[in-house]
Amino acid sequence: MGFVRRVGEFFMLLGFICVAIYFITEPERGGLGLLTAGVGSTALGLILRVKSRRQPEESARFVSLRKLSQRSKKEREKRLAKRKEKEERNNDRIRDD
């Protein structure tokens, strides 16, 4: 886990605690600053966590199937390219006649 991600988690925890304290105590007495601080730090924590998100690693599962699929795609493209060349040659031959 990266440092920025941990700081983001800290701010989220701090924000949740502030919001919980606001709702546990009597909100009618004021304390709007506590709610604002809680929501703000939770938002800051979420932003830090999202920005420091790691890219998902490619799974080792079904690797052989992926390779087989890629190989078949390349073979299919080669066959289509040969077919197009053959059709073009036939079209040129027909035009010449």
PDB file of N, CA and C in Angstrom:
ATOM      1  N   MET A   1       0.835  -1.178   0.000  1.00  0.00           N
ATOM      2  CA  MET A   1       0.000   0.000   0.000  1.00  0.00           C
ATOM      3  C   MET A   1       0.877   1.237   0.000  1.00  0.00           C
ATOM      4  N   GLY A   2       0.542   2.206  -0.815  1.00  0.00           N
ATOM      5  CA  GLY A   2       1.328   3.416  -0.906  1.00  0.00           C
ATOM      6  C   GLY A   2       1.016   4.395   0.212  1.00  0.00           C
ATOM      7  N   PHE A   3       1.928   5.337   0.376  1.00  0.00           N
ATOM      8  CA  PHE A   3       1.782   6.334   1.434  1.00  0.00           C
ATOM      9  C   PHE A   3       0.547   7.201   1.213  1.00  0.00           C
ATOM     10  N   VAL A   4       0.331   7.634  -0.006  1.00  0.00           N
ATOM     11  CA  VAL A   4      -0.804   8.517  -0.306  1.00  0.00           C
ATOM     12  C   VAL A   4      -2.110   7.790  -0.031  1.00  0.00           C
ATOM     13  N   ARG A   5      -2.160   6.514  -0.371  1.00  0.00           N
ATOM     14  CA  ARG A   5      -3.370   5.729  -0.126  1.00  0.00           C
ATOM     15  C   ARG A   5      -3.646   5.622   1.370  1.00  0.00           C
ATOM     16  N   ARG A   6      -2.610   5.430   2.155  1.00  0.00           N
ATOM     17  CA  ARG A   6      -2.790   5.339   3.609  1.00  0.00           C
ATOM     18  C   ARG A   6      -3.242   6.667   4.201  1.00  0.00           C
ATOM     19  N   VAL A   7      -2.697   7.752   3.698  1.00  0.00           N
ATOM     20  CA  VAL A   7      -3.128   9.075   4.171  1.00  0.00           C
ATOM     21  C   VAL A   7      -4.596   9.282   3.821  1.00  0.00           C
ATOM     22  N   GLY A   8      -4.998   8.847   2.619  1.00  0.00           N
ATOM     23  CA  GLY A   8      -6.403   8.949   2.220  1.00  0.00           C
ATOM     24  C   GLY A   8      -7.313   8.142   3.140  1.00  0.00           C
ATOM     25  N   GLU A   9      -6.861   6.945   3.511  1.00  0.00           N
ATOM     26  CA  GLU A   9      -7.654   6.130   4.430  1.00  0.00           C
ATOM     27  C   GLU A   9      -7.750   6.782   5.809  1.00  0.00           C
ATOM     28  N   PHE A  10      -6.661   7.419   6.244  1.00  0.00           N
ATOM     29  CA  PHE A  10      -6.688   8.129   7.522  1.00  0.00           C
ATOM     30  C   PHE A  10      -7.726   9.243   7.499  1.00  0.00           C
ATOM     31  N   PHE A  11      -7.733  10.047   6.418  1.00  0.00           N
ATOM     32  CA  PHE A  11      -8.694  11.142   6.329  1.00  0.00           C
ATOM     33  C   PHE A  11     -10.127  10.618   6.247  1.00  0.00           C
ATOM     34  N   MET A  12     -10.323   9.510   5.566  1.00  0.00           N
ATOM     35  CA  MET A  12     -11.669   8.932   5.517  1.00  0.00           C
ATOM     36  C   MET A  12     -12.115   8.485   6.907  1.00  0.00           C
ATOM     37  N   LEU A  13     -11.234   7.817   7.636  1.00  0.00           N
ATOM     38  CA  LEU A  13     -11.563   7.368   8.992  1.00  0.00           C
ATOM     39  C   LEU A  13     -11.857   8.560   9.896  1.00  0.00           C
ATOM     40  N   LEU A  14     -11.018   9.571   9.810  1.00  0.00           N
ATOM     41  CA  LEU A  14     -11.215  10.782  10.607  1.00  0.00           C
ATOM     42  C   LEU A  14     -12.555  11.437  10.262  1.00  0.00           C
ATOM     43  N   GLY A  15     -12.874  11.489   8.977  1.00  0.00           N
ATOM     44  CA  GLY A  15     -14.140  12.080   8.556  1.00  0.00           C
ATOM     45  C   GLY A  15     -15.346  11.289   9.045  1.00  0.00           C
ATOM     46  N   PHE A  16     -15.264   9.960   8.958  1.00  0.00           N
ATOM     47  CA  PHE A  16     -16.369   9.139   9.464  1.00  0.00           C
ATOM     48  C   PHE A  16     -16.560   9.328  10.966  1.00  0.00           C
ATOM     49  N   ILE A  17     -15.465   9.430  11.682  1.00  0.00           N
ATOM     50  CA  ILE A  17     -15.556   9.642  13.137  1.00  0.00           C
ATOM     51  C   ILE A  17     -16.203  10.989  13.441  1.00  0.00           C
ATOM     52  N   CYS A  18     -15.799  12.036  12.724  1.00  0.00           N
ATOM     53  CA  CYS A  18     -16.388  13.367  12.945  1.00  0.00           C
ATOM     54  C   CYS A  18     -17.884  13.366  12.639  1.00  0.00           C
ATOM     55  N   VAL A  19     -18.281  12.729  11.550  1.00  0.00           N
ATOM     56  CA  VAL A  19     -19.704  12.675  11.200  1.00  0.00           C
ATOM     57  C   VAL A  19     -20.474  11.866  12.234  1.00  0.00           C
ATOM     58  N   ALA A  20     -19.891  10.762  12.716  1.00  0.00           N
ATOM     59  CA  ALA A  20     -20.550   9.939  13.731  1.00  0.00           C
ATOM     60  C   ALA A  20     -20.720  10.730  15.029  1.00  0.00           C
ATOM     61  N   ILE A  21     -19.686  11.463  15.421  1.00  0.00           N
ATOM     62  CA  ILE A  21     -19.791  12.281  16.637  1.00  0.00           C
ATOM     63  C   ILE A  21     -20.875  13.342  16.469  1.00  0.00           C
ATOM     64  N   TYR A  22     -20.958  13.925  15.285  1.00  0.00           N
ATOM     65  CA  TYR A  22     -21.981  14.943  15.037  1.00  0.00           C
ATOM     66  C   TYR A  22     -23.377  14.348  15.221  1.00  0.00           C
ATOM     67  N   PHE A  23     -23.616  13.148  14.671  1.00  0.00           N
ATOM     68  CA  PHE A  23     -24.948  12.570  14.766  1.00  0.00           C
ATOM     69  C   PHE A  23     -25.231  11.966  16.141  1.00  0.00           C
ATOM     70  N   ILE A  24     -24.195  11.535  16.847  1.00  0.00           N
ATOM     71  CA  ILE A  24     -24.407  10.987  18.197  1.00  0.00           C
ATOM     72  C   ILE A  24     -24.753  12.102  19.172  1.00  0.00           C
ATOM     73  N   THR A  25     -24.026  13.202  19.077  1.00  0.00           N
ATOM     74  CA  THR A  25     -24.358  14.340  19.931  1.00  0.00           C
ATOM     75  C   THR A  25     -25.599  15.014  19.362  1.00  0.00           C
ATOM     76  N   GLU A  26     -26.110  15.939  20.053  1.00  0.00           N
ATOM     77  CA  GLU A  26     -27.332  16.596  19.617  1.00  0.00           C
ATOM     78  C   GLU A  26     -27.022  17.610  18.519  1.00  0.00           C
ATOM     79  N   PRO A  27     -27.464  17.353  17.274  1.00  0.00           N
ATOM     80  CA  PRO A  27     -27.166  18.284  16.180  1.00  0.00           C
ATOM     81  C   PRO A  27     -27.844  19.638  16.346  1.00  0.00           C
ATOM     82  N   GLU A  28     -28.869  19.722  17.216  1.00  0.00           N
ATOM     83  CA  GLU A  28     -29.558  21.001  17.360  1.00  0.00           C
ATOM     84  C   GLU A  28     -28.695  22.045  18.059  1.00  0.00           C
ATOM     85  N   ARG A  29     -27.707  21.605  18.816  1.00  0.00           N
ATOM     86  CA  ARG A  29     -26.861  22.541  19.564  1.00  0.00           C
ATOM     87  C   ARG A  29     -25.880  23.291  18.671  1.00  0.00           C
ATOM     88  N   GLY A  30     -25.824  22.978  17.474  1.00  0.00           N
ATOM     89  CA  GLY A  30     -24.820  23.572  16.580  1.00  0.00           C
ATOM     90  C   GLY A  30     -23.890  22.470  16.131  1.00  0.00           C
ATOM     91  N   GLY A  31     -22.625  22.720  16.153  1.00  0.00           N
ATOM     92  CA  GLY A  31     -21.657  21.713  15.759  1.00  0.00           C
ATOM     93  C   GLY A  31     -21.616  21.491  14.263  1.00  0.00           C
ATOM     94  N   LEU A  32     -22.096  22.469  13.504  1.00  0.00           N
ATOM     95  CA  LEU A  32     -22.085  22.346  12.056  1.00  0.00           C
ATOM     96  C   LEU A  32     -20.658  22.272  11.517  1.00  0.00           C
ATOM     97  N   GLY A  33     -19.741  22.865  12.232  1.00  0.00           N
ATOM     98  CA  GLY A  33     -18.329  22.808  11.834  1.00  0.00           C
ATOM     99  C   GLY A  33     -17.797  21.385  11.880  1.00  0.00           C
ATOM    100  N   LEU A  34     -18.267  20.612  12.872  1.00  0.00           N
ATOM    101  CA  LEU A  34     -17.844  19.212  12.982  1.00  0.00           C
ATOM    102  C   LEU A  34     -18.361  18.405  11.791  1.00  0.00           C
ATOM    103  N   LEU A  35     -19.594  18.643  11.397  1.00  0.00           N
ATOM    104  CA  LEU A  35     -20.145  17.952  10.237  1.00  0.00           C
ATOM    105  C   LEU A  35     -19.402  18.346   8.967  1.00  0.00           C
ATOM    106  N   THR A  36     -19.139  19.632   8.824  1.00  0.00           N
ATOM    107  CA  THR A  36     -18.421  20.110   7.642  1.00  0.00           C
ATOM    108  C   THR A  36     -17.019  19.520   7.579  1.00  0.00           C
ATOM    109  N   ALA A  37     -16.331  19.491   8.716  1.00  0.00           N
ATOM    110  CA  ALA A  37     -14.979  18.918   8.757  1.00  0.00           C
ATOM    111  C   ALA A  37     -15.024  17.432   8.433  1.00  0.00           C
ATOM    112  N   GLY A  38     -16.030  16.746   8.938  1.00  0.00           N
ATOM    113  CA  GLY A  38     -16.147  15.312   8.670  1.00  0.00           C
ATOM    114  C   GLY A  38     -16.398  15.012   7.205  1.00  0.00           C
ATOM    115  N   VAL A  39     -17.317  15.739   6.613  1.00  0.00           N
ATOM    116  CA  VAL A  39     -17.630  15.517   5.199  1.00  0.00           C
ATOM    117  C   VAL A  39     -16.438  15.916   4.327  1.00  0.00           C
ATOM    118  N   GLY A  40     -15.794  17.019   4.678  1.00  0.00           N
ATOM    119  CA  GLY A  40     -14.639  17.477   3.896  1.00  0.00           C
ATOM    120  C   GLY A  40     -13.475  16.505   3.957  1.00  0.00           C
ATOM    121  N   SER A  41     -13.168  16.009   5.153  1.00  0.00           N
ATOM    122  CA  SER A  41     -12.040  15.079   5.258  1.00  0.00           C
ATOM    123  C   SER A  41     -12.375  13.727   4.620  1.00  0.00           C
ATOM    124  N   THR A  42     -13.639  13.322   4.678  1.00  0.00           N
ATOM    125  CA  THR A  42     -14.029  12.087   3.997  1.00  0.00           C
ATOM    126  C   THR A  42     -13.874  12.250   2.486  1.00  0.00           C
ATOM    127  N   ALA A  43     -14.285  13.396   1.964  1.00  0.00           N
ATOM    128  CA  ALA A  43     -14.142  13.649   0.532  1.00  0.00           C
ATOM    129  C   ALA A  43     -12.668  13.693   0.129  1.00  0.00           C
ATOM    130  N   LEU A  44     -11.847  14.346   0.944  1.00  0.00           N
ATOM    131  CA  LEU A  44     -10.413  14.405   0.666  1.00  0.00           C
ATOM    132  C   LEU A  44      -9.803  13.004   0.682  1.00  0.00           C
ATOM    133  N   GLY A  45     -10.203  12.199   1.645  1.00  0.00           N
ATOM    134  CA  GLY A  45      -9.699  10.832   1.726  1.00  0.00           C
ATOM    135  C   GLY A  45     -10.098  10.003   0.510  1.00  0.00           C
ATOM    136  N   LEU A  46     -11.346  10.156   0.062  1.00  0.00           N
ATOM    137  CA  LEU A  46     -11.792   9.434  -1.127  1.00  0.00           C
ATOM    138  C   LEU A  46     -11.007   9.848  -2.367  1.00  0.00           C
ATOM    139  N   ILE A  47     -10.770  11.143  -2.486  1.00  0.00           N
ATOM    140  CA  ILE A  47     -10.008  11.640  -3.633  1.00  0.00           C
ATOM    141  C   ILE A  47      -8.594  11.078  -3.618  1.00  0.00           C
ATOM    142  N   LEU A  48      -7.948  11.082  -2.449  1.00  0.00           N
ATOM    143  CA  LEU A  48      -6.590  10.551  -2.363  1.00  0.00           C
ATOM    144  C   LEU A  48      -6.548   9.057  -2.666  1.00  0.00           C
ATOM    145  N   ARG A  49      -7.540   8.317  -2.195  1.00  0.00           N
ATOM    146  CA  ARG A  49      -7.562   6.874  -2.456  1.00  0.00           C
ATOM    147  C   ARG A  49      -7.782   6.577  -3.926  1.00  0.00           C
ATOM    148  N   VAL A  50      -8.676   7.329  -4.567  1.00  0.00           N
ATOM    149  CA  VAL A  50      -8.970   7.075  -5.974  1.00  0.00           C
ATOM    150  C   VAL A  50      -7.770   7.429  -6.850  1.00  0.00           C
ATOM    151  N   LYS A  51      -7.098   8.533  -6.547  1.00  0.00           N
ATOM    152  CA  LYS A  51      -5.959   8.948  -7.358  1.00  0.00           C
ATOM    153  C   LYS A  51      -4.773   8.013  -7.214  1.00  0.00           C
ATOM    154  N   SER A  52      -4.640   7.353  -6.076  1.00  0.00           N
ATOM    155  CA  SER A  52      -3.488   6.472  -5.873  1.00  0.00           C
ATOM    156  C   SER A  52      -3.836   5.011  -6.129  1.00  0.00           C
ATOM    157  N   ARG A  53      -4.935   4.778  -6.813  1.00  0.00           N
ATOM    158  CA  ARG A  53      -5.363   3.411  -7.108  1.00  0.00           C
ATOM    159  C   ARG A  53      -4.371   2.744  -8.054  1.00  0.00           C
ATOM    160  N   ARG A  54      -4.073   1.485  -7.789  1.00  0.00           N
ATOM    161  CA  ARG A  54      -3.173   0.725  -8.643  1.00  0.00           C
ATOM    162  C   ARG A  54      -3.925   0.185  -9.848  1.00  0.00           C
ATOM    163  N   GLN A  55      -3.184  -0.009 -10.917  1.00  0.00           N
ATOM    164  CA  GLN A  55      -3.775  -0.628 -12.099  1.00  0.00           C
ATOM    165  C   GLN A  55      -3.970  -2.109 -11.810  1.00  0.00           C
ATOM    166  N   PRO A  56      -5.086  -2.661 -12.214  1.00  0.00           N
ATOM    167  CA  PRO A  56      -5.310  -4.087 -11.955  1.00  0.00           C
ATOM    168  C   PRO A  56      -4.302  -4.937 -12.718  1.00  0.00           C
ATOM    169  N   GLU A  57      -3.770  -5.926 -12.027  1.00  0.00           N
ATOM    170  CA  GLU A  57      -2.798  -6.809 -12.657  1.00  0.00           C
ATOM    171  C   GLU A  57      -3.536  -7.838 -13.499  1.00  0.00           C
ATOM    172  N   GLU A  58      -2.880  -8.228 -14.580  1.00  0.00           N
ATOM    173  CA  GLU A  58      -3.498  -9.219 -15.442  1.00  0.00           C
ATOM    174  C   GLU A  58      -3.482 -10.564 -14.735  1.00  0.00           C
ATOM    175  N   SER A  59      -4.590 -11.202 -14.754  1.00  0.00           N
ATOM    176  CA  SER A  59      -4.735 -12.478 -14.078  1.00  0.00           C
ATOM    177  C   SER A  59      -3.979 -13.566 -14.825  1.00  0.00           C
ATOM    178  N   ALA A  60      -3.432 -14.495 -14.070  1.00  0.00           N
ATOM    179  CA  ALA A  60      -2.734 -15.626 -14.678  1.00  0.00           C
ATOM    180  C   ALA A  60      -3.726 -16.691 -15.135  1.00  0.00           C
ATOM    181  N   ARG A  61      -4.955 -16.467 -14.813  1.00  0.00           N
ATOM    182  CA  ARG A  61      -5.992 -17.413 -15.177  1.00  0.00           C
ATOM    183  C   ARG A  61      -6.304 -17.289 -16.668  1.00  0.00           C
ATOM    184  N   PHE A  62      -6.475 -18.385 -17.327  1.00  0.00           N
ATOM    185  CA  PHE A  62      -6.843 -18.454 -18.737  1.00  0.00           C
ATOM    186  C   PHE A  62      -5.802 -17.833 -19.669  1.00  0.00           C
ATOM    187  N   VAL A  63      -4.538 -17.844 -19.273  1.00  0.00           N
ATOM    188  CA  VAL A  63      -3.484 -17.276 -20.113  1.00  0.00           C
ATOM    189  C   VAL A  63      -3.380 -18.048 -21.422  1.00  0.00           C
ATOM    190  N   SER A  64      -3.444 -19.361 -21.337  1.00  0.00           N
ATOM    191  CA  SER A  64      -3.311 -20.168 -22.546  1.00  0.00           C
ATOM    192  C   SER A  64      -4.469 -19.904 -23.508  1.00  0.00           C
ATOM    193  N   LEU A  65      -5.663 -19.686 -22.979  1.00  0.00           N
ATOM    194  CA  LEU A  65      -6.794 -19.379 -23.852  1.00  0.00           C
ATOM    195  C   LEU A  65      -6.630 -18.023 -24.528  1.00  0.00           C
ATOM    196  N   ARG A  66      -6.100 -17.047 -23.792  1.00  0.00           N
ATOM    197  CA  ARG A  66      -5.862 -15.726 -24.390  1.00  0.00           C
ATOM    198  C   ARG A  66      -4.833 -15.824 -25.515  1.00  0.00           C
ATOM    199  N   LYS A  67      -3.750 -16.580 -25.268  1.00  0.00           N
ATOM    200  CA  LYS A  67      -2.727 -16.738 -26.299  1.00  0.00           C
ATOM    201  C   LYS A  67      -3.304 -17.426 -27.527  1.00  0.00           C
ATOM    202  N   LEU A  68      -4.106 -18.449 -27.306  1.00  0.00           N
ATOM    203  CA  LEU A  68      -4.730 -19.167 -28.407  1.00  0.00           C
ATOM    204  C   LEU A  68      -5.656 -18.235 -29.184  1.00  0.00           C
ATOM    205  N   SER A  69      -6.398 -17.416 -28.475  1.00  0.00           N
ATOM    206  CA  SER A  69      -7.306 -16.467 -29.113  1.00  0.00           C
ATOM    207  C   SER A  69      -6.536 -15.450 -29.948  1.00  0.00           C
ATOM    208  N   GLN A  70      -5.423 -14.942 -29.418  1.00  0.00           N
ATOM    209  CA  GLN A  70      -4.623 -13.974 -30.162  1.00  0.00           C
ATOM    210  C   GLN A  70      -4.012 -14.620 -31.404  1.00  0.00           C
ATOM    211  N   ARG A  71      -3.565 -15.845 -31.249  1.00  0.00           N
ATOM    212  CA  ARG A  71      -2.981 -16.554 -32.376  1.00  0.00           C
ATOM    213  C   ARG A  71      -4.027 -16.764 -33.466  1.00  0.00           C
ATOM    214  N   SER A  72      -5.231 -17.157 -33.055  1.00  0.00           N
ATOM    215  CA  SER A  72      -6.277 -17.389 -34.059  1.00  0.00           C
ATOM    216  C   SER A  72      -6.690 -16.076 -34.727  1.00  0.00           C
ATOM    217  N   LYS A  73      -6.650 -14.963 -34.006  1.00  0.00           N
ATOM    218  CA  LYS A  73      -6.971 -13.668 -34.622  1.00  0.00           C
ATOM    219  C   LYS A  73      -5.952 -13.326 -35.703  1.00  0.00           C
ATOM    220  N   LYS A  74      -4.673 -13.553 -35.382  1.00  0.00           N
ATOM    221  CA  LYS A  74      -3.627 -13.248 -36.369  1.00  0.00           C
ATOM    222  C   LYS A  74      -3.779 -14.134 -37.602  1.00  0.00           C
ATOM    223  N   GLU A  75      -4.052 -15.405 -37.390  1.00  0.00           N
ATOM    224  CA  GLU A  75      -4.245 -16.308 -38.522  1.00  0.00           C
ATOM    225  C   GLU A  75      -5.458 -15.903 -39.344  1.00  0.00           C
ATOM    226  N   ARG A  76      -6.521 -15.499 -38.692  1.00  0.00           N
ATOM    227  CA  ARG A  76      -7.727 -15.066 -39.394  1.00  0.00           C
ATOM    228  C   ARG A  76      -7.440 -13.822 -40.228  1.00  0.00           C
ATOM    229  N   GLU A  77      -6.669 -12.882 -39.663  1.00  0.00           N
ATOM    230  CA  GLU A  77      -6.329 -11.675 -40.409  1.00  0.00           C
ATOM    231  C   GLU A  77      -5.482 -12.012 -41.631  1.00  0.00           C
ATOM    232  N   LYS A  78      -4.544 -12.952 -41.483  1.00  0.00           N
ATOM    233  CA  LYS A  78      -3.724 -13.365 -42.623  1.00  0.00           C
ATOM    234  C   LYS A  78      -4.587 -13.987 -43.714  1.00  0.00           C
ATOM    235  N   ARG A  79      -5.517 -14.860 -43.318  1.00  0.00           N
ATOM    236  CA  ARG A  79      -6.399 -15.487 -44.296  1.00  0.00           C
ATOM    237  C   ARG A  79      -7.237 -14.449 -45.024  1.00  0.00           C
ATOM    238  N   LEU A  80      -7.762 -13.477 -44.278  1.00  0.00           N
ATOM    239  CA  LEU A  80      -8.568 -12.431 -44.913  1.00  0.00           C
ATOM    240  C   LEU A  80      -7.728 -11.593 -45.870  1.00  0.00           C
ATOM    241  N   ALA A  81      -6.488 -11.287 -45.481  1.00  0.00           N
ATOM    242  CA  ALA A  81      -5.611 -10.507 -46.348  1.00  0.00           C
ATOM    243  C   ALA A  81      -5.315 -11.282 -47.632  1.00  0.00           C
ATOM    244  N   LYS A  82      -5.054 -12.578 -47.521  1.00  0.00           N
ATOM    245  CA  LYS A  82      -4.802 -13.393 -48.710  1.00  0.00           C
ATOM    246  C   LYS A  82      -6.036 -13.443 -49.594  1.00  0.00           C
ATOM    247  N   ARG A  83      -7.200 -13.588 -48.987  1.00  0.00           N
ATOM    248  CA  ARG A  83      -8.443 -13.649 -49.737  1.00  0.00           C
ATOM    249  C   ARG A  83      -8.691 -12.353 -50.499  1.00  0.00           C
ATOM    250  N   LYS A  84      -8.410 -11.208 -49.833  1.00  0.00           N
ATOM    251  CA  LYS A  84      -8.598  -9.916 -50.494  1.00  0.00           C
ATOM    252  C   LYS A  84      -7.644  -9.765 -51.676  1.00  0.00           C
ATOM    253  N   GLU A  85      -6.385 -10.193 -51.479  1.00  0.00           N
ATOM    254  CA  GLU A  85      -5.418 -10.110 -52.571  1.00  0.00           C
ATOM    255  C   GLU A  85      -5.876 -10.956 -53.754  1.00  0.00           C
ATOM    256  N   LYS A  86      -6.356 -12.143 -53.447  1.00  0.00           N
ATOM    257  CA  LYS A  86      -6.819 -13.044 -54.508  1.00  0.00           C
ATOM    258  C   LYS A  86      -8.013 -12.440 -55.244  1.00  0.00           C
ATOM    259  N   GLU A  87      -8.948 -11.849 -54.501  1.00  0.00           N
ATOM    260  CA  GLU A  87     -10.106 -11.209 -55.129  1.00  0.00           C
ATOM    261  C   GLU A  87      -9.688 -10.030 -55.997  1.00  0.00           C
ATOM    262  N   GLU A  88      -8.717  -9.261 -55.520  1.00  0.00           N
ATOM    263  CA  GLU A  88      -8.241  -8.121 -56.300  1.00  0.00           C
ATOM    264  C   GLU A  88      -7.579  -8.591 -57.588  1.00  0.00           C
ATOM    265  N   ARG A  89      -6.785  -9.652 -57.511  1.00  0.00           N
ATOM    266  CA  ARG A  89      -6.158 -10.195 -58.709  1.00  0.00           C
ATOM    267  C   ARG A  89      -7.210 -10.687 -59.698  1.00  0.00           C
ATOM    268  N   ASN A  90      -8.246 -11.358 -59.168  1.00  0.00           N
ATOM    269  CA  ASN A  90      -9.319 -11.835 -60.036  1.00  0.00           C
ATOM    270  C   ASN A  90     -10.064 -10.667 -60.665  1.00  0.00           C
ATOM    271  N   ASN A  91     -10.321  -9.628 -59.895  1.00  0.00           N
ATOM    272  CA  ASN A  91     -11.008  -8.451 -60.432  1.00  0.00           C
ATOM    273  C   ASN A  91     -10.165  -7.768 -61.505  1.00  0.00           C
ATOM    274  N   ASP A  92      -8.846  -7.677 -61.266  1.00  0.00           N
ATOM    275  CA  ASP A  92      -7.964  -7.067 -62.261  1.00  0.00           C
ATOM    276  C   ASP A  92      -7.933  -7.903 -63.536  1.00  0.00           C
ATOM    277  N   ARG A  93      -7.924  -9.221 -63.383  1.00  0.00           N
ATOM    278  CA  ARG A  93      -7.895 -10.113 -64.533  1.00  0.00           C
ATOM    279  C   ARG A  93      -9.186  -9.989 -65.343  1.00  0.00           C
ATOM    280  N   ILE A  94     -10.305  -9.864 -64.635  1.00  0.00           N
ATOM    281  CA  ILE A  94     -11.598  -9.735 -65.310  1.00  0.00           C
ATOM    282  C   ILE A  94     -11.660  -8.401 -66.049  1.00  0.00           C
ATOM    283  N   ARG A  95     -11.136  -7.352 -65.488  1.00  0.00           N
ATOM    284  CA  ARG A  95     -11.156  -6.044 -66.125  1.00  0.00           C
ATOM    285  C   ARG A  95     -10.269  -6.037 -67.361  1.00  0.00           C
ATOM    286  N   ASP A  96      -9.153  -6.726 -67.281  1.00  0.00           N
ATOM    287  CA  ASP A  96      -8.227  -6.757 -68.409  1.00  0.00           C
ATOM    288  C   ASP A  96      -8.835  -7.500 -69.582  1.00  0.00           C
ATOM    289  N   ASP A  97      -9.689  -8.458 -69.319  1.00  0.00           N
ATOM    290  CA  ASP A  97     -10.277  -9.257 -70.418  1.00  0.00           C
ATOM    291  C   ASP A  97     -11.326  -8.488 -71.128  1.00  0.00           C
TER     292      ASP A  97
END
